[in-house]
Amino acid sequence: MQKLKAAFPDDETIVAAVIQTTFEGHTINNADALRKNQLKYRLDLPFGHDPGDTDLPRTDPGHFPNTMVSYRTGGTPWVTLIDPNGVVAFDGFHIDIDQLISYLKENA
């Protein structure tokens, strides 16, 4: 994330955010742990925490984080790129940051 942010320091069309979705390990993957990582890696960008509702049964869609359900994400780290029109341009597990930066420089 630091490398991505550094590649587009003043570009308002490239906005990065981190959303932690918690589908397991709710006691350790919490908002406090997320904040510690934000500070540890000195990431000056929006962070959010989407834990879902663990009080609901696993068969209830509300049990899982809304972000995971809405964007059909899987494991960690998952990357979703959304274009300015709200269309998902990439949705997948892991990325090559250098390839992503090159792609964005060519297509943004």
Protein backbone atom coordinates (compact mmCIF):
# COMPACT_ATOMS: atom_id res chain seq x y z
CA MET A 1 0.00 0.00 0.00
CA GLN A 2 2.89 2.36 0.73
CA LYS A 3 4.32 1.77 -2.74
CA LEU A 4 0.94 2.34 -4.40
CA LYS A 5 0.33 5.54 -2.48
CA ALA A 6 3.86 6.78 -3.27
CA ALA A 7 3.34 6.14 -6.99
CA PHE A 8 0.29 8.45 -7.09
CA PRO A 9 0.90 11.06 -4.37
CA ASP A 10 -1.27 13.82 -5.85
CA ASP A 11 -3.56 11.86 -8.18
CA GLU A 12 -7.16 12.29 -7.02
CA THR A 13 -8.34 9.56 -9.40
CA ILE A 14 -6.34 6.85 -7.60
CA VAL A 15 -7.68 6.37 -4.09
CA ALA A 16 -6.59 3.49 -1.88
CA ALA A 17 -8.36 2.23 1.22
CA VAL A 18 -8.00 -0.79 3.46
CA ILE A 19 -11.04 -2.73 4.64
CA GLN A 20 -10.43 -5.57 7.04
CA THR A 21 -13.09 -8.23 6.69
CA THR A 22 -13.17 -10.70 9.53
CA PHE A 23 -14.52 -14.14 8.72
CA GLU A 24 -12.42 -15.96 11.32
CA GLY A 25 -10.25 -15.06 14.28
CA HIS A 26 -12.67 -12.38 15.48
CA THR A 27 -10.89 -12.02 18.81
CA ILE A 28 -7.58 -11.04 17.19
CA ASN A 29 -8.74 -9.58 13.84
CA ASN A 30 -10.50 -6.65 15.42
CA ALA A 31 -10.56 -2.88 14.92
CA ASP A 32 -7.81 -2.33 17.52
CA ALA A 33 -5.44 -4.73 15.71
CA LEU A 34 -6.25 -3.01 12.44
CA ARG A 35 -5.33 0.38 13.88
CA LYS A 36 -2.03 -1.02 15.20
CA ASN A 37 -1.16 -2.22 11.68
CA GLN A 38 -2.10 1.14 10.20
CA LEU A 39 0.30 2.86 12.59
CA LYS A 40 2.99 0.19 12.25
CA TYR A 41 3.12 0.56 8.47
CA ARG A 42 2.54 4.33 8.57
CA LEU A 43 -0.34 4.14 6.12
CA ASP A 44 -2.03 7.51 5.86
CA LEU A 45 -5.17 6.32 4.09
CA PRO A 46 -8.67 5.28 5.11
CA PHE A 47 -8.99 2.05 7.08
CA GLY A 48 -12.25 0.28 7.84
CA HIS A 49 -13.26 -2.83 9.76
CA ASP A 50 -16.13 -5.08 8.60
CA PRO A 51 -16.55 -7.97 11.04
CA GLY A 52 -19.96 -9.22 9.96
CA ASP A 53 -22.35 -10.35 12.67
CA THR A 54 -21.03 -13.41 14.46
CA ASP A 55 -24.20 -13.59 16.55
CA LEU A 56 -26.03 -14.79 13.42
CA PRO A 57 -25.69 -18.41 12.26
CA ARG A 58 -23.18 -19.10 9.45
CA THR A 59 -26.12 -19.92 7.17
CA ASP A 60 -27.35 -16.32 7.45
CA PRO A 61 -25.72 -13.98 4.87
CA GLY A 62 -25.51 -11.28 7.56
CA HIS A 63 -23.04 -13.47 9.47
CA PHE A 64 -20.32 -12.64 6.93
CA PRO A 65 -18.83 -9.18 6.39
CA ASN A 66 -20.94 -7.10 4.00
CA THR A 67 -17.81 -6.24 1.99
CA MET A 68 -17.09 -9.93 1.39
CA VAL A 69 -20.67 -10.62 0.34
CA SER A 70 -21.00 -7.54 -1.88
CA TYR A 71 -17.67 -7.98 -3.71
CA ARG A 72 -17.47 -11.78 -3.43
CA THR A 73 -14.04 -11.61 -1.85
CA GLY A 74 -12.18 -14.57 -0.44
CA GLY A 75 -9.01 -14.85 1.61
CA THR A 76 -6.47 -12.32 2.73
CA PRO A 77 -5.10 -10.24 1.16
CA TRP A 78 -7.86 -9.67 -1.37
CA VAL A 79 -7.69 -6.76 -3.79
CA THR A 80 -10.68 -5.09 -5.43
CA LEU A 81 -10.22 -2.26 -7.94
CA ILE A 82 -13.27 -0.14 -8.65
CA ASP A 83 -13.23 2.27 -11.57
CA PRO A 84 -14.67 5.81 -11.36
CA ASN A 85 -18.02 4.51 -12.70
CA GLY A 86 -18.32 2.03 -9.84
CA VAL A 87 -17.47 -1.00 -12.00
CA VAL A 88 -15.21 -3.63 -10.49
CA ALA A 89 -12.12 -3.69 -12.73
CA PHE A 90 -10.19 -6.33 -10.75
CA ASP A 91 -11.19 -8.66 -7.98
CA GLY A 92 -8.66 -11.23 -6.85
CA PHE A 93 -6.31 -12.77 -4.37
CA HIS A 94 -2.88 -11.11 -4.20
CA ILE A 95 -1.43 -8.70 -6.73
CA ASP A 96 1.94 -7.81 -8.14
CA ILE A 97 2.20 -4.20 -6.97
CA ASP A 98 4.59 -3.18 -9.75
CA GLN A 99 2.24 -4.57 -12.40
CA LEU A 100 -0.69 -2.81 -10.75
CA ILE A 101 1.14 0.53 -10.71
CA SER A 102 2.09 0.13 -14.38
CA TYR A 103 -1.49 -0.77 -15.26
CA LEU A 104 -2.89 2.23 -13.41
CA LYS A 105 -0.39 4.62 -14.98
CA GLU A 106 -1.41 3.39 -18.43
CA ASN A 107 -5.15 3.23 -17.82
CA ALA A 108 -6.06 5.84 -15.21
